Amino acid sequence: MTREIEDAITERSINIWKTVPNEIKKLISLANNDLYYGPTYLNKDNEPVSMFDEDYDHAFDFQGACEEIKECMDSLVSDFVVTECGSTFDSENDMFKFYYQLAKEEGYHEESINYPEYSIVDAKEILYKIVGKELISYL
């Protein structure tokens, strides 16, 4: 993977993370905690506590949290295109339209357009950065 692709994945991940609702961010954190440290126990405010704490109310619903996280991520994360120079587009079609329009504005004929090399980045690459490589296998 090139540096341009890595940078594009990181930038897109950061931008998506900014749009993730706080409730989902908390579920991601709790789900990762549950995976790495075992069962997570919560009080009535859904804050982590010891199962021996007097505020203990219920165990964390890992499966339910994964379903909510997946639903949110499916609406925010998708495959995207990165060119050799690091430009990003939501789809190949968007990239081709952009370069076609640019060439047209500069007076080039369609036959003479040199489209850049590009890669299609799988949405999972972004999910790895947002939810973690372990948790993604449960979504």
N, C-alpha and C. Protein backbone atom coordinates (compact mmCIF):
# COMPACT_ATOMS: atom_id res chain seq x y z
N MET A 1 0.85 -1.18 0.00
CA MET A 1 0.00 0.00 0.00
C MET A 1 0.90 1.24 0.00
N THR A 2 0.60 2.17 -0.90
CA THR A 2 1.42 3.37 -1.02
C THR A 2 1.14 4.36 0.10
N ARG A 3 2.05 5.28 0.25
CA ARG A 3 1.90 6.33 1.28
C ARG A 3 0.64 7.17 0.99
N GLU A 4 0.37 7.44 -0.29
CA GLU A 4 -0.80 8.23 -0.66
C GLU A 4 -2.10 7.54 -0.21
N ILE A 5 -2.14 6.22 -0.40
CA ILE A 5 -3.34 5.46 0.00
C ILE A 5 -3.47 5.46 1.52
N GLU A 6 -2.36 5.22 2.22
CA GLU A 6 -2.39 5.24 3.69
C GLU A 6 -2.87 6.59 4.20
N ASP A 7 -2.34 7.67 3.63
CA ASP A 7 -2.74 9.02 4.05
C ASP A 7 -4.22 9.26 3.77
N ALA A 8 -4.70 8.81 2.61
CA ALA A 8 -6.11 9.00 2.26
C ALA A 8 -7.01 8.22 3.20
N ILE A 9 -6.61 7.01 3.56
CA ILE A 9 -7.40 6.20 4.49
C ILE A 9 -7.46 6.88 5.85
N THR A 10 -6.32 7.36 6.31
CA THR A 10 -6.27 8.05 7.62
C THR A 10 -7.13 9.30 7.61
N GLU A 11 -7.01 10.10 6.56
CA GLU A 11 -7.79 11.34 6.47
C GLU A 11 -9.28 11.05 6.43
N ARG A 12 -9.68 10.08 5.61
CA ARG A 12 -11.10 9.74 5.51
C ARG A 12 -11.61 9.17 6.83
N SER A 13 -10.79 8.36 7.50
CA SER A 13 -11.18 7.80 8.80
C SER A 13 -11.42 8.89 9.83
N ILE A 14 -10.53 9.86 9.86
CA ILE A 14 -10.67 10.98 10.81
C ILE A 14 -11.95 11.76 10.52
N ASN A 15 -12.20 12.04 9.25
CA ASN A 15 -13.40 12.80 8.89
C ASN A 15 -14.68 12.03 9.23
N ILE A 16 -14.67 10.73 9.02
CA ILE A 16 -15.84 9.92 9.36
C ILE A 16 -16.02 9.86 10.87
N TRP A 17 -14.91 9.68 11.60
CA TRP A 17 -14.98 9.61 13.07
C TRP A 17 -15.65 10.86 13.63
N LYS A 18 -15.39 12.00 13.04
CA LYS A 18 -15.99 13.26 13.51
C LYS A 18 -17.52 13.24 13.38
N THR A 19 -18.05 12.41 12.47
CA THR A 19 -19.49 12.37 12.25
C THR A 19 -20.18 11.24 13.02
N VAL A 20 -19.40 10.37 13.64
CA VAL A 20 -19.98 9.25 14.38
C VAL A 20 -20.64 9.80 15.65
N PRO A 21 -21.90 9.46 15.89
CA PRO A 21 -22.58 9.94 17.11
C PRO A 21 -21.85 9.46 18.38
N ASN A 22 -21.87 10.29 19.40
CA ASN A 22 -21.20 9.95 20.66
C ASN A 22 -21.68 8.62 21.23
N GLU A 23 -22.94 8.32 21.08
CA GLU A 23 -23.48 7.06 21.58
C GLU A 23 -22.79 5.87 20.92
N ILE A 24 -22.54 5.97 19.62
CA ILE A 24 -21.86 4.89 18.89
C ILE A 24 -20.39 4.83 19.28
N LYS A 25 -19.76 5.98 19.47
CA LYS A 25 -18.36 6.00 19.92
C LYS A 25 -18.23 5.27 21.26
N LYS A 26 -19.19 5.51 22.14
CA LYS A 26 -19.17 4.85 23.44
C LYS A 26 -19.36 3.35 23.27
N LEU A 27 -20.26 2.93 22.38
CA LEU A 27 -20.47 1.49 22.14
C LEU A 27 -19.21 0.84 21.58
N ILE A 28 -18.51 1.55 20.70
CA ILE A 28 -17.25 1.02 20.16
C ILE A 28 -16.24 0.80 21.28
N SER A 29 -16.14 1.78 22.15
CA SER A 29 -15.21 1.68 23.28
C SER A 29 -15.59 0.52 24.21
N LEU A 30 -16.87 0.44 24.56
CA LEU A 30 -17.32 -0.64 25.44
C LEU A 30 -17.16 -2.01 24.80
N ALA A 31 -17.44 -2.11 23.51
CA ALA A 31 -17.31 -3.39 22.82
C ALA A 31 -15.86 -3.84 22.76
N ASN A 32 -14.95 -2.91 22.49
CA ASN A 32 -13.52 -3.25 22.49
C ASN A 32 -13.06 -3.66 23.88
N ASN A 33 -13.52 -2.96 24.90
CA ASN A 33 -13.20 -3.31 26.29
C ASN A 33 -13.70 -4.72 26.60
N ASP A 34 -14.91 -5.02 26.17
CA ASP A 34 -15.52 -6.33 26.38
C ASP A 34 -14.69 -7.43 25.69
N LEU A 35 -14.22 -7.15 24.49
CA LEU A 35 -13.42 -8.12 23.75
C LEU A 35 -12.09 -8.42 24.43
N TYR A 36 -11.41 -7.35 24.87
CA TYR A 36 -10.05 -7.52 25.39
C TYR A 36 -10.00 -7.90 26.87
N TYR A 37 -11.00 -7.49 27.66
CA TYR A 37 -10.91 -7.70 29.10
C TYR A 37 -12.02 -8.57 29.67
N GLY A 38 -12.90 -9.06 28.83
CA GLY A 38 -13.97 -9.91 29.32
C GLY A 38 -15.24 -9.11 29.55
N PRO A 39 -16.22 -9.73 30.17
CA PRO A 39 -17.53 -9.08 30.33
C PRO A 39 -17.44 -7.70 30.97
N THR A 40 -18.24 -6.81 30.42
CA THR A 40 -18.31 -5.45 30.94
C THR A 40 -19.65 -5.28 31.64
N TYR A 41 -19.60 -4.70 32.82
CA TYR A 41 -20.81 -4.49 33.61
C TYR A 41 -21.10 -3.01 33.68
N LEU A 42 -22.39 -2.67 33.66
CA LEU A 42 -22.81 -1.28 33.58
C LEU A 42 -23.77 -0.92 34.70
N ASN A 43 -23.80 0.37 35.02
CA ASN A 43 -24.81 0.86 35.97
C ASN A 43 -26.02 1.34 35.17
N LYS A 44 -26.97 1.96 35.85
CA LYS A 44 -28.20 2.41 35.17
C LYS A 44 -27.94 3.48 34.11
N ASP A 45 -26.82 4.19 34.26
CA ASP A 45 -26.46 5.23 33.28
C ASP A 45 -25.58 4.69 32.16
N ASN A 46 -25.46 3.35 32.11
CA ASN A 46 -24.63 2.67 31.11
C ASN A 46 -23.16 3.04 31.19
N GLU A 47 -22.70 3.31 32.41
CA GLU A 47 -21.29 3.56 32.66
C GLU A 47 -20.68 2.28 33.22
N PRO A 48 -19.45 1.94 32.81
CA PRO A 48 -18.82 0.71 33.31
C PRO A 48 -18.60 0.74 34.82
N VAL A 49 -18.89 -0.37 35.45
CA VAL A 49 -18.67 -0.55 36.89
C VAL A 49 -18.23 -2.00 37.13
N SER A 50 -17.75 -2.25 38.32
CA SER A 50 -17.42 -3.62 38.71
C SER A 50 -18.71 -4.37 38.97
N MET A 51 -18.71 -5.68 38.70
CA MET A 51 -19.92 -6.45 38.97
C MET A 51 -20.18 -6.54 40.47
N PHE A 52 -19.20 -6.17 41.28
CA PHE A 52 -19.37 -6.18 42.73
C PHE A 52 -19.78 -4.81 43.26
N ASP A 53 -19.83 -3.82 42.38
CA ASP A 53 -20.21 -2.46 42.77
C ASP A 53 -21.70 -2.42 43.07
N GLU A 54 -22.07 -1.63 44.04
CA GLU A 54 -23.50 -1.54 44.39
C GLU A 54 -24.32 -0.89 43.29
N ASP A 55 -23.67 -0.17 42.40
CA ASP A 55 -24.38 0.47 41.27
C ASP A 55 -24.58 -0.48 40.09
N TYR A 56 -24.02 -1.70 40.19
CA TYR A 56 -24.15 -2.66 39.09
C TYR A 56 -25.62 -2.87 38.75
N ASP A 57 -25.94 -2.75 37.45
CA ASP A 57 -27.33 -2.91 37.02
C ASP A 57 -27.49 -4.04 36.00
N HIS A 58 -26.58 -4.11 35.01
CA HIS A 58 -26.71 -5.12 33.96
C HIS A 58 -25.38 -5.32 33.24
N ALA A 59 -25.29 -6.43 32.52
CA ALA A 59 -24.10 -6.70 31.70
C ALA A 59 -24.25 -6.00 30.35
N PHE A 60 -23.14 -5.65 29.80
CA PHE A 60 -23.09 -5.00 28.49
C PHE A 60 -23.58 -5.98 27.42
N ASP A 61 -24.45 -5.52 26.52
CA ASP A 61 -25.00 -6.34 25.43
C ASP A 61 -24.08 -6.22 24.21
N PHE A 62 -23.07 -7.07 24.16
CA PHE A 62 -22.08 -7.02 23.09
C PHE A 62 -22.72 -7.19 21.72
N GLN A 63 -23.55 -8.19 21.58
CA GLN A 63 -24.18 -8.47 20.28
C GLN A 63 -25.06 -7.30 19.83
N GLY A 64 -25.85 -6.77 20.74
CA GLY A 64 -26.70 -5.62 20.41
C GLY A 64 -25.87 -4.41 20.02
N ALA A 65 -24.76 -4.20 20.74
CA ALA A 65 -23.88 -3.07 20.43
C ALA A 65 -23.28 -3.23 19.03
N CYS A 66 -22.85 -4.46 18.70
CA CYS A 66 -22.27 -4.71 17.38
C CYS A 66 -23.28 -4.41 16.27
N GLU A 67 -24.53 -4.76 16.50
CA GLU A 67 -25.56 -4.48 15.50
C GLU A 67 -25.74 -2.98 15.30
N GLU A 68 -25.75 -2.22 16.40
CA GLU A 68 -25.89 -0.76 16.30
C GLU A 68 -24.68 -0.13 15.63
N ILE A 69 -23.49 -0.60 16.00
CA ILE A 69 -22.26 -0.08 15.39
C ILE A 69 -22.26 -0.36 13.89
N LYS A 70 -22.60 -1.58 13.51
CA LYS A 70 -22.62 -1.95 12.09
C LYS A 70 -23.60 -1.09 11.30
N GLU A 71 -24.79 -0.90 11.87
CA GLU A 71 -25.79 -0.08 11.19
C GLU A 71 -25.27 1.33 10.95
N CYS A 72 -24.62 1.90 11.94
CA CYS A 72 -24.07 3.25 11.80
C CYS A 72 -22.94 3.27 10.78
N MET A 73 -22.03 2.31 10.88
CA MET A 73 -20.88 2.28 9.97
C MET A 73 -21.31 2.04 8.52
N ASP A 74 -22.32 1.21 8.33
CA ASP A 74 -22.82 0.96 6.97
C ASP A 74 -23.32 2.24 6.32
N SER A 75 -23.85 3.16 7.14
CA SER A 75 -24.37 4.41 6.58
C SER A 75 -23.27 5.45 6.37
N LEU A 76 -22.11 5.27 6.98
CA LEU A 76 -21.05 6.27 6.89
C LEU A 76 -19.85 5.87 6.05
N VAL A 77 -19.57 4.57 5.97
CA VAL A 77 -18.33 4.10 5.36
C VAL A 77 -18.62 3.35 4.06
N SER A 78 -17.86 3.67 3.02
CA SER A 78 -17.99 2.95 1.76
C SER A 78 -16.63 2.90 1.06
N ASP A 79 -16.54 2.06 0.04
CA ASP A 79 -15.32 2.01 -0.77
C ASP A 79 -15.07 3.39 -1.37
N PHE A 80 -13.81 3.69 -1.68
CA PHE A 80 -13.52 4.95 -2.36
C PHE A 80 -12.28 4.78 -3.23
N VAL A 81 -12.00 5.78 -4.04
CA VAL A 81 -10.91 5.73 -5.02
C VAL A 81 -9.82 6.72 -4.62
N VAL A 82 -8.57 6.26 -4.74
CA VAL A 82 -7.41 7.12 -4.48
C VAL A 82 -6.53 7.10 -5.72
N THR A 83 -6.19 8.28 -6.23
CA THR A 83 -5.31 8.35 -7.40
C THR A 83 -3.85 8.31 -6.94
N GLU A 84 -2.96 8.13 -7.92
CA GLU A 84 -1.53 8.04 -7.61
C GLU A 84 -1.00 9.31 -6.95
N CYS A 85 -1.68 10.43 -7.15
CA CYS A 85 -1.23 11.68 -6.54
C CYS A 85 -1.95 11.97 -5.22
N GLY A 86 -2.81 11.05 -4.79
CA GLY A 86 -3.45 11.19 -3.49
C GLY A 86 -4.83 11.82 -3.50
N SER A 87 -5.36 12.15 -4.67
CA SER A 87 -6.73 12.68 -4.74
C SER A 87 -7.71 11.56 -4.43
N THR A 88 -8.80 11.89 -3.76
CA THR A 88 -9.79 10.86 -3.43
C THR A 88 -11.14 11.20 -4.06
N PHE A 89 -11.87 10.14 -4.40
CA PHE A 89 -13.19 10.25 -5.00
C PHE A 89 -14.06 9.15 -4.41
N ASP A 90 -15.36 9.41 -4.37
CA ASP A 90 -16.28 8.42 -3.82
C ASP A 90 -16.46 7.21 -4.73
N SER A 91 -16.19 7.38 -6.02
CA SER A 91 -16.34 6.26 -6.96
C SER A 91 -15.45 6.48 -8.18
N GLU A 92 -15.26 5.41 -8.95
CA GLU A 92 -14.50 5.53 -10.20
C GLU A 92 -15.20 6.51 -11.14
N ASN A 93 -16.52 6.42 -11.18
CA ASN A 93 -17.30 7.29 -12.05
C ASN A 93 -17.05 8.76 -11.71
N ASP A 94 -17.03 9.08 -10.41
CA ASP A 94 -16.76 10.46 -10.00
C ASP A 94 -15.37 10.91 -10.45
N MET A 95 -14.40 10.02 -10.35
CA MET A 95 -13.03 10.35 -10.76
C MET A 95 -12.98 10.61 -12.27
N PHE A 96 -13.58 9.70 -13.06
CA PHE A 96 -13.57 9.88 -14.50
C PHE A 96 -14.27 11.16 -14.91
N LYS A 97 -15.40 11.47 -14.28
CA LYS A 97 -16.12 12.72 -14.58
C LYS A 97 -15.25 13.93 -14.28
N PHE A 98 -14.56 13.90 -13.13
CA PHE A 98 -13.72 15.02 -12.73
C PHE A 98 -12.63 15.27 -13.77
N TYR A 99 -11.89 14.22 -14.14
CA TYR A 99 -10.78 14.40 -15.09
C TYR A 99 -11.29 14.72 -16.49
N TYR A 100 -12.43 14.20 -16.86
CA TYR A 100 -13.03 14.52 -18.15
C TYR A 100 -13.38 16.01 -18.19
N GLN A 101 -14.04 16.49 -17.15
CA GLN A 101 -14.43 17.90 -17.08
C GLN A 101 -13.20 18.81 -17.07
N LEU A 102 -12.19 18.41 -16.33
CA LEU A 102 -10.96 19.19 -16.26
C LEU A 102 -10.30 19.28 -17.64
N ALA A 103 -10.22 18.16 -18.33
CA ALA A 103 -9.62 18.13 -19.67
C ALA A 103 -10.44 18.97 -20.65
N LYS A 104 -11.76 18.86 -20.53
CA LYS A 104 -12.66 19.62 -21.42
C LYS A 104 -12.46 21.12 -21.21
N GLU A 105 -12.35 21.54 -19.94
CA GLU A 105 -12.14 22.96 -19.63
C GLU A 105 -10.81 23.46 -20.18
N GLU A 106 -9.83 22.56 -20.24
CA GLU A 106 -8.51 22.96 -20.75
C GLU A 106 -8.38 22.76 -22.26
N GLY A 107 -9.46 22.33 -22.91
CA GLY A 107 -9.48 22.23 -24.36
C GLY A 107 -8.98 20.92 -24.94
N TYR A 108 -8.84 19.90 -24.15
CA TYR A 108 -8.38 18.59 -24.66
C TYR A 108 -9.57 17.79 -25.19
N HIS A 109 -9.28 16.94 -26.16
CA HIS A 109 -10.30 16.02 -26.66
C HIS A 109 -10.32 14.79 -25.77
N GLU A 110 -11.47 14.13 -25.74
CA GLU A 110 -11.63 12.97 -24.85
C GLU A 110 -10.57 11.89 -25.10
N GLU A 111 -10.19 11.71 -26.36
CA GLU A 111 -9.22 10.67 -26.70
C GLU A 111 -7.84 10.96 -26.11
N SER A 112 -7.56 12.21 -25.81
CA SER A 112 -6.22 12.57 -25.33
C SER A 112 -6.12 12.66 -23.80
N ILE A 113 -7.19 12.32 -23.10
CA ILE A 113 -7.16 12.41 -21.64
C ILE A 113 -6.32 11.27 -21.07
N ASN A 114 -5.37 11.63 -20.24
CA ASN A 114 -4.56 10.63 -19.54
C ASN A 114 -5.06 10.53 -18.11
N TYR A 115 -5.86 9.52 -17.86
CA TYR A 115 -6.37 9.32 -16.50
C TYR A 115 -5.25 8.80 -15.62
N PRO A 116 -5.19 9.22 -14.37
CA PRO A 116 -4.11 8.77 -13.48
C PRO A 116 -4.30 7.31 -13.06
N GLU A 117 -3.21 6.71 -12.59
CA GLU A 117 -3.31 5.41 -11.96
C GLU A 117 -4.12 5.60 -10.68
N TYR A 118 -4.90 4.60 -10.32
CA TYR A 118 -5.71 4.72 -9.11
C TYR A 118 -5.93 3.36 -8.47
N SER A 119 -6.35 3.40 -7.23
CA SER A 119 -6.68 2.19 -6.47
C SER A 119 -8.05 2.37 -5.84
N ILE A 120 -8.78 1.26 -5.76
CA ILE A 120 -10.05 1.29 -5.05
C ILE A 120 -9.78 0.76 -3.65
N VAL A 121 -10.12 1.55 -2.65
CA VAL A 121 -9.87 1.19 -1.26
C VAL A 121 -11.15 0.59 -0.67
N ASP A 122 -11.02 -0.58 -0.12
CA ASP A 122 -12.14 -1.28 0.51
C ASP A 122 -12.55 -0.54 1.79
N ALA A 123 -13.83 -0.45 2.01
CA ALA A 123 -14.36 0.22 3.21
C ALA A 123 -13.80 -0.38 4.49
N LYS A 124 -13.44 -1.66 4.45
CA LYS A 124 -12.91 -2.31 5.66
C LYS A 124 -11.62 -1.65 6.15
N GLU A 125 -10.86 -1.08 5.23
CA GLU A 125 -9.62 -0.39 5.64
C GLU A 125 -9.93 0.78 6.57
N ILE A 126 -11.04 1.45 6.31
CA ILE A 126 -11.45 2.56 7.16
C ILE A 126 -12.02 2.02 8.46
N LEU A 127 -12.82 0.97 8.37
CA LEU A 127 -13.39 0.37 9.57
C LEU A 127 -12.31 -0.11 10.53
N TYR A 128 -11.21 -0.66 9.99
CA TYR A 128 -10.10 -1.09 10.84
C TYR A 128 -9.62 0.06 11.72
N LYS A 129 -9.52 1.23 11.11
CA LYS A 129 -9.03 2.39 11.86
C LYS A 129 -10.06 2.92 12.84
N ILE A 130 -11.34 2.82 12.51
CA ILE A 130 -12.38 3.39 13.36
C ILE A 130 -12.75 2.47 14.52
N VAL A 131 -12.98 1.19 14.23
CA VAL A 131 -13.45 0.29 15.30
C VAL A 131 -12.39 -0.68 15.79
N GLY A 132 -11.32 -0.87 15.04
CA GLY A 132 -10.27 -1.79 15.43
C GLY A 132 -10.38 -3.11 14.67
N LYS A 133 -9.25 -3.75 14.45
CA LYS A 133 -9.21 -4.97 13.65
C LYS A 133 -9.93 -6.14 14.32
N GLU A 134 -9.93 -6.18 15.63
CA GLU A 134 -10.58 -7.29 16.32
C GLU A 134 -12.11 -7.13 16.26
N LEU A 135 -12.61 -5.97 16.58
CA LEU A 135 -14.05 -5.73 16.62
C LEU A 135 -14.70 -5.85 15.24
N ILE A 136 -13.98 -5.47 14.19
CA ILE A 136 -14.58 -5.50 12.85
C ILE A 136 -15.04 -6.90 12.47
N SER A 137 -14.41 -7.92 12.99
CA SER A 137 -14.82 -9.30 12.64
C SER A 137 -16.17 -9.68 13.25
N TYR A 138 -16.68 -8.88 14.17
CA TYR A 138 -17.99 -9.14 14.78
C TYR A 138 -19.10 -8.31 14.15
N LEU A 139 -18.73 -7.41 13.25
CA LEU A 139 -19.73 -6.52 12.65
C LEU A 139 -20.27 -7.11 11.36
